[in-house]
PDB file of N, CA and C in Angstrom:
ATOM      1  N   MET A   1     -32.092  28.328 -55.017  1.00  0.00           N
ATOM      2  CA  MET A   1     -31.662  28.718 -55.724  1.00  0.00           C
ATOM      3  C   MET A   1     -30.433  29.672 -56.044  1.00  0.00           C
ATOM      4  N   ASN A   2     -29.478  29.398 -56.656  1.00  0.00           N
ATOM      5  CA  ASN A   2     -28.322  30.596 -56.425  1.00  0.00           C
ATOM      6  C   ASN A   2     -28.449  31.359 -57.640  1.00  0.00           C
ATOM      7  N   GLU A   3     -27.400  32.456 -57.917  1.00  0.00           N
ATOM      8  CA  GLU A   3     -27.597  33.408 -58.842  1.00  0.00           C
ATOM      9  C   GLU A   3     -27.658  32.812 -60.770  1.00  0.00           C
ATOM     10  N   ARG A   4     -27.087  31.263 -60.370  1.00  0.00           N
ATOM     11  CA  ARG A   4     -27.068  30.704 -61.847  1.00  0.00           C
ATOM     12  C   ARG A   4     -28.188  29.974 -62.118  1.00  0.00           C
ATOM     13  N   GLY A   5     -29.052  30.014 -60.941  1.00  0.00           N
ATOM     14  CA  GLY A   5     -30.409  29.275 -61.432  1.00  0.00           C
ATOM     15  C   GLY A   5     -30.209  27.722 -60.993  1.00  0.00           C
ATOM     16  N   GLU A   6     -29.126  27.401 -60.250  1.00  0.00           N
ATOM     17  CA  GLU A   6     -28.844  26.028 -60.015  1.00  0.00           C
ATOM     18  C   GLU A   6     -29.687  25.906 -57.969  1.00  0.00           C
ATOM     19  N   ILE A   7     -29.868  24.615 -58.149  1.00  0.00           N
ATOM     20  CA  ILE A   7     -30.429  24.406 -56.622  1.00  0.00           C
ATOM     21  C   ILE A   7     -29.335  23.626 -55.897  1.00  0.00           C
ATOM     22  N   LEU A   8     -29.652  23.710 -54.573  1.00  0.00           N
ATOM     23  CA  LEU A   8     -28.780  23.043 -53.429  1.00  0.00           C
ATOM     24  C   LEU A   8     -29.316  21.699 -53.246  1.00  0.00           C
ATOM     25  N   LEU A   9     -28.603  20.565 -53.265  1.00  0.00           N
ATOM     26  CA  LEU A   9     -28.834  19.426 -53.110  1.00  0.00           C
ATOM     27  C   LEU A   9     -27.781  18.851 -52.168  1.00  0.00           C
ATOM     28  N   LEU A  10     -27.998  17.733 -51.302  1.00  0.00           N
ATOM     29  CA  LEU A  10     -27.722  17.543 -49.911  1.00  0.00           C
ATOM     30  C   LEU A  10     -27.702  15.930 -50.125  1.00  0.00           C
ATOM     31  N   LEU A  11     -26.264  15.263 -49.855  1.00  0.00           N
ATOM     32  CA  LEU A  11     -26.165  13.733 -49.946  1.00  0.00           C
ATOM     33  C   LEU A  11     -26.409  13.220 -48.386  1.00  0.00           C
ATOM     34  N   ARG A  12     -27.539  12.396 -48.495  1.00  0.00           N
ATOM     35  CA  ARG A  12     -27.979  11.900 -47.310  1.00  0.00           C
ATOM     36  C   ARG A  12     -26.576  10.867 -46.693  1.00  0.00           C
ATOM     37  N   LYS A  13     -26.259  10.835 -45.208  1.00  0.00           N
ATOM     38  CA  LYS A  13     -25.433   9.833 -44.664  1.00  0.00           C
ATOM     39  C   LYS A  13     -25.839   8.599 -44.794  1.00  0.00           C
ATOM     40  N   MET A  14     -24.711   7.740 -44.852  1.00  0.00           N
ATOM     41  CA  MET A  14     -24.923   6.038 -44.900  1.00  0.00           C
ATOM     42  C   MET A  14     -26.342   5.670 -43.482  1.00  0.00           C
ATOM     43  N   ASP A  15     -26.018   6.523 -42.714  1.00  0.00           N
ATOM     44  CA  ASP A  15     -27.122   5.941 -41.442  1.00  0.00           C
ATOM     45  C   ASP A  15     -28.120   6.681 -41.132  1.00  0.00           C
ATOM     46  N   GLN A  16     -28.679   7.293 -42.187  1.00  0.00           N
ATOM     47  CA  GLN A  16     -29.862   7.952 -42.315  1.00  0.00           C
ATOM     48  C   GLN A  16     -30.832   7.032 -42.981  1.00  0.00           C
ATOM     49  N   PRO A  17     -32.247   7.186 -43.411  1.00  0.00           N
ATOM     50  CA  PRO A  17     -32.854   6.563 -44.051  1.00  0.00           C
ATOM     51  C   PRO A  17     -32.688   7.073 -45.488  1.00  0.00           C
ATOM     52  N   PHE A  18     -32.779   6.015 -46.572  1.00  0.00           N
ATOM     53  CA  PHE A  18     -32.338   6.259 -47.944  1.00  0.00           C
ATOM     54  C   PHE A  18     -30.980   7.091 -48.085  1.00  0.00           C
ATOM     55  N   PRO A  19     -30.057   6.083 -47.400  1.00  0.00           N
ATOM     56  CA  PRO A  19     -28.458   6.333 -47.560  1.00  0.00           C
ATOM     57  C   PRO A  19     -28.307   6.596 -48.855  1.00  0.00           C
ATOM     58  N   MET A  20     -27.339   8.118 -49.122  1.00  0.00           N
ATOM     59  CA  MET A  20     -26.618   8.075 -50.293  1.00  0.00           C
ATOM     60  C   MET A  20     -27.292   8.666 -51.437  1.00  0.00           C
ATOM     61  N   LYS A  21     -28.543   9.050 -51.076  1.00  0.00           N
ATOM     62  CA  LYS A  21     -29.381   9.548 -52.074  1.00  0.00           C
ATOM     63  C   LYS A  21     -29.093  11.006 -51.821  1.00  0.00           C
ATOM     64  N   TRP A  22     -29.352  11.928 -53.111  1.00  0.00           N
ATOM     65  CA  TRP A  22     -29.381  13.459 -53.047  1.00  0.00           C
ATOM     66  C   TRP A  22     -30.553  13.751 -52.481  1.00  0.00           C
ATOM     67  N   ASP A  23     -30.929  14.661 -51.788  1.00  0.00           N
ATOM     68  CA  ASP A  23     -31.886  15.588 -50.970  1.00  0.00           C
ATOM     69  C   ASP A  23     -32.136  16.538 -51.299  1.00  0.00           C
ATOM     70  N   LEU A  24     -32.879  17.463 -50.782  1.00  0.00           N
ATOM     71  CA  LEU A  24     -33.328  18.777 -50.606  1.00  0.00           C
ATOM     72  C   LEU A  24     -33.407  18.926 -49.283  1.00  0.00           C
ATOM     73  N   PRO A  25     -32.766  20.087 -48.566  1.00  0.00           N
ATOM     74  CA  PRO A  25     -32.776  20.745 -47.346  1.00  0.00           C
ATOM     75  C   PRO A  25     -34.437  20.444 -46.723  1.00  0.00           C
ATOM     76  N   GLY A  26     -34.360  19.924 -45.458  1.00  0.00           N
ATOM     77  CA  GLY A  26     -35.656  19.944 -44.885  1.00  0.00           C
ATOM     78  C   GLY A  26     -35.793  19.386 -43.842  1.00  0.00           C
ATOM     79  N   GLY A  27     -36.765  18.746 -43.198  1.00  0.00           N
ATOM     80  CA  GLY A  27     -36.826  17.997 -41.960  1.00  0.00           C
ATOM     81  C   GLY A  27     -38.538  18.223 -41.424  1.00  0.00           C
ATOM     82  N   HIS A  28     -38.440  18.070 -40.083  1.00  0.00           N
ATOM     83  CA  HIS A  28     -39.656  17.914 -39.300  1.00  0.00           C
ATOM     84  C   HIS A  28     -39.936  19.393 -38.785  1.00  0.00           C
ATOM     85  N   LEU A  29     -41.303  19.758 -38.331  1.00  0.00           N
ATOM     86  CA  LEU A  29     -41.613  20.820 -37.515  1.00  0.00           C
ATOM     87  C   LEU A  29     -41.419  20.489 -36.179  1.00  0.00           C
ATOM     88  N   LYS A  30     -41.231  21.506 -35.636  1.00  0.00           N
ATOM     89  CA  LYS A  30     -41.051  21.416 -34.145  1.00  0.00           C
ATOM     90  C   LYS A  30     -42.312  22.006 -33.395  1.00  0.00           C
ATOM     91  N   GLY A  31     -42.725  21.571 -32.656  1.00  0.00           N
ATOM     92  CA  GLY A  31     -44.237  22.011 -31.853  1.00  0.00           C
ATOM     93  C   GLY A  31     -44.425  23.609 -32.077  1.00  0.00           C
ATOM     94  N   GLY A  32     -45.702  23.788 -32.853  1.00  0.00           N
ATOM     95  CA  GLY A  32     -46.144  25.174 -32.935  1.00  0.00           C
ATOM     96  C   GLY A  32     -45.517  26.115 -34.363  1.00  0.00           C
ATOM     97  N   GLU A  33     -44.407  25.436 -34.806  1.00  0.00           N
ATOM     98  CA  GLU A  33     -43.941  25.894 -35.955  1.00  0.00           C
ATOM     99  C   GLU A  33     -44.951  26.008 -37.029  1.00  0.00           C
ATOM    100  N   SER A  34     -44.970  27.228 -38.074  1.00  0.00           N
ATOM    101  CA  SER A  34     -45.530  26.887 -39.246  1.00  0.00           C
ATOM    102  C   SER A  34     -44.676  26.201 -40.101  1.00  0.00           C
ATOM    103  N   TRP A  35     -45.315  25.928 -41.326  1.00  0.00           N
ATOM    104  CA  TRP A  35     -44.350  25.038 -42.266  1.00  0.00           C
ATOM    105  C   TRP A  35     -43.403  26.199 -43.028  1.00  0.00           C
ATOM    106  N   GLU A  36     -43.617  27.269 -42.797  1.00  0.00           N
ATOM    107  CA  GLU A  36     -42.360  28.350 -43.362  1.00  0.00           C
ATOM    108  C   GLU A  36     -41.353  28.567 -42.502  1.00  0.00           C
ATOM    109  N   GLU A  37     -41.707  28.789 -40.817  1.00  0.00           N
ATOM    110  CA  GLU A  37     -40.753  28.820 -40.150  1.00  0.00           C
ATOM    111  C   GLU A  37     -39.957  27.508 -39.976  1.00  0.00           C
ATOM    112  N   GLY A  38     -40.599  26.343 -40.261  1.00  0.00           N
ATOM    113  CA  GLY A  38     -39.714  25.010 -40.326  1.00  0.00           C
ATOM    114  C   GLY A  38     -39.138  24.863 -41.186  1.00  0.00           C
ATOM    115  N   ALA A  39     -39.123  25.474 -42.568  1.00  0.00           N
ATOM    116  CA  ALA A  39     -38.287  25.426 -43.676  1.00  0.00           C
ATOM    117  C   ALA A  39     -37.253  26.447 -43.372  1.00  0.00           C
ATOM    118  N   LYS A  40     -37.502  27.368 -42.616  1.00  0.00           N
ATOM    119  CA  LYS A  40     -36.343  28.467 -42.753  1.00  0.00           C
ATOM    120  C   LYS A  40     -35.389  27.847 -41.586  1.00  0.00           C
ATOM    121  N   ARG A  41     -36.086  27.010 -40.452  1.00  0.00           N
ATOM    122  CA  ARG A  41     -35.314  26.612 -39.488  1.00  0.00           C
ATOM    123  C   ARG A  41     -34.178  25.726 -40.110  1.00  0.00           C
ATOM    124  N   GLU A  42     -34.861  24.175 -40.838  1.00  0.00           N
ATOM    125  CA  GLU A  42     -34.302  23.442 -41.246  1.00  0.00           C
ATOM    126  C   GLU A  42     -33.055  23.679 -42.178  1.00  0.00           C
ATOM    127  N   THR A  43     -33.371  24.760 -43.334  1.00  0.00           N
ATOM    128  CA  THR A  43     -32.281  25.187 -43.848  1.00  0.00           C
ATOM    129  C   THR A  43     -31.270  25.675 -43.237  1.00  0.00           C
ATOM    130  N   LYS A  44     -31.561  26.697 -42.373  1.00  0.00           N
ATOM    131  CA  LYS A  44     -30.380  26.984 -41.682  1.00  0.00           C
ATOM    132  C   LYS A  44     -29.546  26.096 -40.827  1.00  0.00           C
ATOM    133  N   GLU A  45     -30.081  25.020 -40.414  1.00  0.00           N
ATOM    134  CA  GLU A  45     -29.567  24.244 -39.604  1.00  0.00           C
ATOM    135  C   GLU A  45     -28.541  23.171 -40.672  1.00  0.00           C
ATOM    136  N   GLU A  46     -29.213  22.956 -41.550  1.00  0.00           N
ATOM    137  CA  GLU A  46     -28.447  21.533 -42.522  1.00  0.00           C
ATOM    138  C   GLU A  46     -27.343  22.287 -43.479  1.00  0.00           C
ATOM    139  N   THR A  47     -27.882  24.111 -43.708  1.00  0.00           N
ATOM    140  CA  THR A  47     -26.901  24.565 -44.965  1.00  0.00           C
ATOM    141  C   THR A  47     -26.208  25.706 -44.400  1.00  0.00           C
ATOM    142  N   ASN A  48     -26.549  26.494 -43.361  1.00  0.00           N
ATOM    143  CA  ASN A  48     -26.131  27.684 -43.083  1.00  0.00           C
ATOM    144  C   ASN A  48     -26.573  28.953 -43.675  1.00  0.00           C
ATOM    145  N   ILE A  49     -27.779  28.699 -44.680  1.00  0.00           N
ATOM    146  CA  ILE A  49     -28.232  30.003 -44.989  1.00  0.00           C
ATOM    147  C   ILE A  49     -29.544  30.255 -44.424  1.00  0.00           C
ATOM    148  N   ASN A  50     -29.884  31.606 -44.674  1.00  0.00           N
ATOM    149  CA  ASN A  50     -30.920  32.245 -43.845  1.00  0.00           C
ATOM    150  C   ASN A  50     -31.836  32.357 -45.195  1.00  0.00           C
ATOM    151  N   ILE A  51     -33.048  31.834 -45.221  1.00  0.00           N
ATOM    152  CA  ILE A  51     -34.049  32.363 -46.153  1.00  0.00           C
ATOM    153  C   ILE A  51     -34.606  33.502 -45.787  1.00  0.00           C
ATOM    154  N   LEU A  52     -34.991  34.559 -46.735  1.00  0.00           N
ATOM    155  CA  LEU A  52     -35.158  36.117 -46.603  1.00  0.00           C
ATOM    156  C   LEU A  52     -36.534  35.966 -47.318  1.00  0.00           C
ATOM    157  N   LYS A  53     -37.123  35.150 -48.207  1.00  0.00           N
ATOM    158  CA  LYS A  53     -38.271  35.105 -48.550  1.00  0.00           C
ATOM    159  C   LYS A  53     -38.377  33.683 -49.457  1.00  0.00           C
ATOM    160  N   MET A  54     -39.776  33.184 -49.413  1.00  0.00           N
ATOM    161  CA  MET A  54     -39.622  32.037 -50.002  1.00  0.00           C
ATOM    162  C   MET A  54     -40.988  31.920 -50.776  1.00  0.00           C
ATOM    163  N   GLN A  55     -41.296  30.662 -51.532  1.00  0.00           N
ATOM    164  CA  GLN A  55     -42.674  30.691 -52.316  1.00  0.00           C
ATOM    165  C   GLN A  55     -43.040  29.160 -52.038  1.00  0.00           C
ATOM    166  N   LYS A  56     -44.393  28.829 -51.924  1.00  0.00           N
ATOM    167  CA  LYS A  56     -44.601  27.678 -51.878  1.00  0.00           C
ATOM    168  C   LYS A  56     -44.780  26.924 -53.076  1.00  0.00           C
ATOM    169  N   ILE A  57     -44.229  25.573 -53.437  1.00  0.00           N
ATOM    170  CA  ILE A  57     -44.146  25.393 -54.922  1.00  0.00           C
ATOM    171  C   ILE A  57     -45.057  24.119 -55.040  1.00  0.00           C
ATOM    172  N   SER A  58     -45.345  23.480 -54.206  1.00  0.00           N
ATOM    173  CA  SER A  58     -46.109  22.107 -53.949  1.00  0.00           C
ATOM    174  C   SER A  58     -46.533  21.521 -52.604  1.00  0.00           C
ATOM    175  N   ASP A  59     -47.816  20.989 -52.699  1.00  0.00           N
ATOM    176  CA  ASP A  59     -48.436  20.749 -51.354  1.00  0.00           C
ATOM    177  C   ASP A  59     -48.697  19.140 -51.427  1.00  0.00           C
ATOM    178  N   LYS A  60     -47.917  18.265 -51.074  1.00  0.00           N
ATOM    179  CA  LYS A  60     -48.379  17.083 -51.402  1.00  0.00           C
ATOM    180  C   LYS A  60     -48.504  16.235 -50.181  1.00  0.00           C
ATOM    181  N   GLY A  61     -49.915  16.278 -49.546  1.00  0.00           N
ATOM    182  CA  GLY A  61     -50.114  15.647 -48.560  1.00  0.00           C
ATOM    183  C   GLY A  61     -49.573  16.243 -47.475  1.00  0.00           C
ATOM    184  N   LYS A  62     -48.763  15.180 -46.599  1.00  0.00           N
ATOM    185  CA  LYS A  62     -47.934  15.962 -45.288  1.00  0.00           C
ATOM    186  C   LYS A  62     -46.882  16.473 -45.670  1.00  0.00           C
ATOM    187  N   ASN A  63     -46.537  16.767 -46.835  1.00  0.00           N
ATOM    188  CA  ASN A  63     -45.389  17.509 -47.269  1.00  0.00           C
ATOM    189  C   ASN A  63     -45.656  18.827 -48.153  1.00  0.00           C
ATOM    190  N   LYS A  64     -44.783  19.647 -47.467  1.00  0.00           N
ATOM    191  CA  LYS A  64     -45.223  21.036 -48.561  1.00  0.00           C
ATOM    192  C   LYS A  64     -43.560  21.612 -49.113  1.00  0.00           C
ATOM    193  N   TYR A  65     -43.430  22.058 -50.148  1.00  0.00           N
ATOM    194  CA  TYR A  65     -42.188  22.540 -50.683  1.00  0.00           C
ATOM    195  C   TYR A  65     -42.163  23.868 -51.003  1.00  0.00           C
ATOM    196  N   PHE A  66     -40.929  24.395 -50.979  1.00  0.00           N
ATOM    197  CA  PHE A  66     -40.738  25.927 -51.087  1.00  0.00           C
ATOM    198  C   PHE A  66     -39.423  26.026 -52.008  1.00  0.00           C
ATOM    199  N   LYS A  67     -39.624  27.130 -52.661  1.00  0.00           N
ATOM    200  CA  LYS A  67     -38.230  27.523 -53.290  1.00  0.00           C
ATOM    201  C   LYS A  67     -38.029  28.801 -52.769  1.00  0.00           C
ATOM    202  N   THR A  68     -36.734  29.210 -53.198  1.00  0.00           N
ATOM    203  CA  THR A  68     -36.303  30.577 -52.836  1.00  0.00           C
ATOM    204  C   THR A  68     -34.927  30.834 -53.752  1.00  0.00           C
ATOM    205  N   ASP A  69     -34.780  32.323 -54.003  1.00  0.00           N
ATOM    206  CA  ASP A  69     -33.656  33.017 -54.494  1.00  0.00           C
ATOM    207  C   ASP A  69     -33.210  33.661 -53.427  1.00  0.00           C
ATOM    208  N   THR A  70     -33.900  34.231 -52.640  1.00  0.00           N
ATOM    209  CA  THR A  70     -33.569  35.263 -51.957  1.00  0.00           C
ATOM    210  C   THR A  70     -32.990  34.798 -50.294  1.00  0.00           C
ATOM    211  N   TRP A  71     -31.796  34.610 -50.437  1.00  0.00           N
ATOM    212  CA  TRP A  71     -31.206  33.997 -48.998  1.00  0.00           C
ATOM    213  C   TRP A  71     -29.987  34.816 -48.694  1.00  0.00           C
ATOM    214  N   ASP A  72     -29.455  34.581 -47.595  1.00  0.00           N
ATOM    215  CA  ASP A  72     -28.077  35.300 -47.342  1.00  0.00           C
ATOM    216  C   ASP A  72     -27.426  34.059 -46.643  1.00  0.00           C
ATOM    217  N   GLY A  73     -25.998  34.737 -46.443  1.00  0.00           N
ATOM    218  CA  GLY A  73     -25.081  33.864 -45.578  1.00  0.00           C
ATOM    219  C   GLY A  73     -24.440  32.888 -46.553  1.00  0.00           C
ATOM    220  N   GLU A  74     -23.520  32.037 -46.035  1.00  0.00           N
ATOM    221  CA  GLU A  74     -22.766  31.329 -46.983  1.00  0.00           C
ATOM    222  C   GLU A  74     -22.797  29.979 -46.486  1.00  0.00           C
ATOM    223  N   VAL A  75     -23.208  29.107 -47.666  1.00  0.00           N
ATOM    224  CA  VAL A  75     -23.161  27.832 -47.412  1.00  0.00           C
ATOM    225  C   VAL A  75     -22.015  27.082 -46.774  1.00  0.00           C
ATOM    226  N   PHE A  76     -22.609  26.002 -45.771  1.00  0.00           N
ATOM    227  CA  PHE A  76     -21.333  25.475 -45.358  1.00  0.00           C
ATOM    228  C   PHE A  76     -20.482  24.630 -46.582  1.00  0.00           C
ATOM    229  N   SER A  77     -19.465  24.331 -46.016  1.00  0.00           N
ATOM    230  CA  SER A  77     -18.256  23.608 -47.066  1.00  0.00           C
ATOM    231  C   SER A  77     -18.848  22.022 -46.878  1.00  0.00           C
ATOM    232  N   SER A  78     -18.485  21.571 -47.610  1.00  0.00           N
ATOM    233  CA  SER A  78     -18.988  19.968 -47.484  1.00  0.00           C
ATOM    234  C   SER A  78     -18.369  19.291 -46.051  1.00  0.00           C
ATOM    235  N   SER A  79     -17.188  19.579 -45.710  1.00  0.00           N
ATOM    236  CA  SER A  79     -16.687  19.101 -44.392  1.00  0.00           C
ATOM    237  C   SER A  79     -17.316  19.592 -43.233  1.00  0.00           C
ATOM    238  N   GLU A  80     -18.015  20.592 -43.605  1.00  0.00           N
ATOM    239  CA  GLU A  80     -18.777  21.427 -42.039  1.00  0.00           C
ATOM    240  C   GLU A  80     -20.178  21.211 -42.236  1.00  0.00           C
ATOM    241  N   LEU A  81     -20.825  20.380 -42.995  1.00  0.00           N
ATOM    242  CA  LEU A  81     -22.031  20.120 -43.153  1.00  0.00           C
ATOM    243  C   LEU A  81     -22.520  19.004 -41.623  1.00  0.00           C
ATOM    244  N   PRO A  82     -23.442  19.583 -40.959  1.00  0.00           N
ATOM    245  CA  PRO A  82     -23.923  18.707 -39.898  1.00  0.00           C
ATOM    246  C   PRO A  82     -24.431  17.117 -40.079  1.00  0.00           C
ATOM    247  N   GLU A  83     -25.376  17.243 -41.217  1.00  0.00           N
ATOM    248  CA  GLU A  83     -26.504  16.345 -41.293  1.00  0.00           C
ATOM    249  C   GLU A  83     -26.304  15.416 -42.610  1.00  0.00           C
ATOM    250  N   HIS A  84     -25.229  15.704 -43.406  1.00  0.00           N
ATOM    251  CA  HIS A  84     -25.043  15.387 -44.726  1.00  0.00           C
ATOM    252  C   HIS A  84     -23.912  15.084 -45.019  1.00  0.00           C
ATOM    253  N   ASP A  85     -23.385  14.394 -45.874  1.00  0.00           N
ATOM    254  CA  ASP A  85     -21.911  14.014 -46.512  1.00  0.00           C
ATOM    255  C   ASP A  85     -21.422  14.793 -47.646  1.00  0.00           C
ATOM    256  N   ASP A  86     -22.157  15.519 -48.336  1.00  0.00           N
ATOM    257  CA  ASP A  86     -21.885  16.214 -49.480  1.00  0.00           C
ATOM    258  C   ASP A  86     -22.977  16.964 -49.604  1.00  0.00           C
ATOM    259  N   LEU A  87     -22.597  18.062 -50.708  1.00  0.00           N
ATOM    260  CA  LEU A  87     -23.619  18.921 -51.259  1.00  0.00           C
ATOM    261  C   LEU A  87     -23.191  19.325 -52.789  1.00  0.00           C
ATOM    262  N   MET A  88     -24.217  19.816 -53.525  1.00  0.00           N
ATOM    263  CA  MET A  88     -23.667  20.017 -54.873  1.00  0.00           C
ATOM    264  C   MET A  88     -24.934  21.279 -55.319  1.00  0.00           C
ATOM    265  N   TRP A  89     -24.496  21.993 -56.263  1.00  0.00           N
ATOM    266  CA  TRP A  89     -25.292  22.916 -56.628  1.00  0.00           C
ATOM    267  C   TRP A  89     -25.699  22.334 -58.124  1.00  0.00           C
ATOM    268  N   ALA A  90     -27.033  21.975 -58.278  1.00  0.00           N
ATOM    269  CA  ALA A  90     -27.245  21.421 -59.773  1.00  0.00           C
ATOM    270  C   ALA A  90     -28.012  22.002 -60.622  1.00  0.00           C
ATOM    271  N   ASP A  91     -27.872  21.902 -61.932  1.00  0.00           N
ATOM    272  CA  ASP A  91     -28.960  22.559 -62.774  1.00  0.00           C
ATOM    273  C   ASP A  91     -30.418  21.718 -62.723  1.00  0.00           C
ATOM    274  N   PRO A  92     -31.403  22.323 -62.355  1.00  0.00           N
ATOM    275  CA  PRO A  92     -32.634  21.855 -62.034  1.00  0.00           C
ATOM    276  C   PRO A  92     -33.305  21.049 -63.286  1.00  0.00           C
ATOM    277  N   ASN A  93     -32.586  21.358 -64.528  1.00  0.00           N
ATOM    278  CA  ASN A  93     -33.237  20.717 -65.794  1.00  0.00           C
ATOM    279  C   ASN A  93     -32.156  19.546 -66.095  1.00  0.00           C
ATOM    280  N   ASN A  94     -31.269  19.377 -65.405  1.00  0.00           N
ATOM    281  CA  ASN A  94     -30.368  18.274 -65.760  1.00  0.00           C
ATOM    282  C   ASN A  94     -29.836  17.401 -64.461  1.00  0.00           C
ATOM    283  N   LEU A  95     -30.775  16.703 -64.053  1.00  0.00           N
ATOM    284  CA  LEU A  95     -30.530  15.776 -62.764  1.00  0.00           C
ATOM    285  C   LEU A  95     -30.553  14.302 -63.223  1.00  0.00           C
ATOM    286  N   GLY A  96     -30.749  13.994 -64.525  1.00  0.00           N
ATOM    287  CA  GLY A  96     -30.481  12.574 -64.730  1.00  0.00           C
ATOM    288  C   GLY A  96     -29.506  12.266 -64.195  1.00  0.00           C
ATOM    289  N   GLY A  97     -29.438  10.763 -64.055  1.00  0.00           N
ATOM    290  CA  GLY A  97     -28.318  10.170 -63.694  1.00  0.00           C
ATOM    291  C   GLY A  97     -28.037  10.246 -62.021  1.00  0.00           C
ATOM    292  N   LEU A  98     -28.596  11.372 -61.324  1.00  0.00           N
ATOM    293  CA  LEU A  98     -28.478  11.450 -59.828  1.00  0.00           C
ATOM    294  C   LEU A  98     -29.440  10.466 -59.055  1.00  0.00           C
ATOM    295  N   ASN A  99     -28.623   9.866 -57.945  1.00  0.00           N
ATOM    296  CA  ASN A  99     -29.520   9.106 -57.123  1.00  0.00           C
ATOM    297  C   ASN A  99     -30.545   9.928 -56.310  1.00  0.00           C
ATOM    298  N   ILE A 100     -31.506  10.420 -56.797  1.00  0.00           N
ATOM    299  CA  ILE A 100     -32.386  11.109 -56.117  1.00  0.00           C
ATOM    300  C   ILE A 100     -34.005  10.569 -56.577  1.00  0.00           C
ATOM    301  N   SER A 101     -34.872  10.818 -55.091  1.00  0.00           N
ATOM    302  CA  SER A 101     -36.110  10.137 -55.254  1.00  0.00           C
ATOM    303  C   SER A 101     -37.128  10.997 -56.412  1.00  0.00           C
ATOM    304  N   ARG A 102     -38.036   9.956 -56.875  1.00  0.00           N
ATOM    305  CA  ARG A 102     -38.566  10.344 -57.888  1.00  0.00           C
ATOM    306  C   ARG A 102     -39.456  11.704 -57.328  1.00  0.00           C
ATOM    307  N   ILE A 103     -40.042  11.656 -56.073  1.00  0.00           N
ATOM    308  CA  ILE A 103     -41.026  12.811 -55.573  1.00  0.00           C
ATOM    309  C   ILE A 103     -39.856  13.803 -55.670  1.00  0.00           C
ATOM    310  N   TYR A 104     -38.843  13.941 -55.402  1.00  0.00           N
ATOM    311  CA  TYR A 104     -38.071  15.300 -55.318  1.00  0.00           C
ATOM    312  C   TYR A 104     -37.988  15.318 -56.710  1.00  0.00           C
ATOM    313  N   LEU A 105     -37.684  14.524 -57.827  1.00  0.00           N
ATOM    314  CA  LEU A 105     -37.656  15.096 -59.392  1.00  0.00           C
ATOM    315  C   LEU A 105     -38.798  15.845 -59.559  1.00  0.00           C
ATOM    316  N   SER A 106     -40.075  15.128 -59.184  1.00  0.00           N
ATOM    317  CA  SER A 106     -41.399  15.756 -59.726  1.00  0.00           C
ATOM    318  C   SER A 106     -41.724  17.156 -58.991  1.00  0.00           C
ATOM    319  N   VAL A 107     -40.908  17.221 -57.784  1.00  0.00           N
ATOM    320  CA  VAL A 107     -41.353  18.564 -57.287  1.00  0.00           C
ATOM    321  C   VAL A 107     -40.476  19.590 -57.819  1.00  0.00           C
ATOM    322  N   ILE A 108     -39.101  19.267 -58.129  1.00  0.00           N
ATOM    323  CA  ILE A 108     -38.322  20.194 -58.923  1.00  0.00           C
ATOM    324  C   ILE A 108     -38.707  20.397 -60.081  1.00  0.00           C
ATOM    325  N   ARG A 109     -38.750  19.651 -61.058  1.00  0.00           N
ATOM    326  CA  ARG A 109     -39.535  19.759 -62.322  1.00  0.00           C
ATOM    327  C   ARG A 109     -40.485  20.387 -62.454  1.00  0.00           C
ATOM    328  N   SER A 110     -41.544  20.462 -61.428  1.00  0.00           N
ATOM    329  CA  SER A 110     -42.823  21.158 -61.430  1.00  0.00           C
ATOM    330  C   SER A 110     -42.341  22.891 -61.302  1.00  0.00           C
ATOM    331  N   ALA A 111     -41.411  22.878 -60.438  1.00  0.00           N
ATOM    332  CA  ALA A 111     -41.003  24.350 -59.984  1.00  0.00           C
ATOM    333  C   ALA A 111     -40.092  24.828 -60.806  1.00  0.00           C
ATOM    334  N   PHE A 112     -39.674  24.106 -62.029  1.00  0.00           N
ATOM    335  CA  PHE A 112     -38.587  24.923 -62.938  1.00  0.00           C
ATOM    336  C   PHE A 112     -39.532  24.779 -64.371  1.00  0.00           C
ATOM    337  N   LYS A 113     -40.769  24.686 -64.493  1.00  0.00           N
ATOM    338  CA  LYS A 113     -41.424  24.808 -65.825  1.00  0.00           C
ATOM    339  C   LYS A 113     -41.099  25.961 -66.795  1.00  0.00           C
TER     340      LYS A 113
END
């Protein structure tokens, strides 16, 4: 989250699974990584920000979700994104109309009750 309470969403590329859907930063673990280490690494790779502190908000089977409002660094501009086509800061309580998966909507809503 940023200082206005907005969340960072990333737009998947056309050549990825679920093309042109809004996504949360994330990915797969590398050998030996903890969930927290993987979340921090993937977020850095995809957005250029360093997570300083995070809280687990959901544990859905093989997927874990975290949130943070404690990070540093400067978020990539849209043209600098290495794995996505665009980014946006969005109000977590006003995501209607966005092309975003139901699982992400569910996780976001539960995190911002």
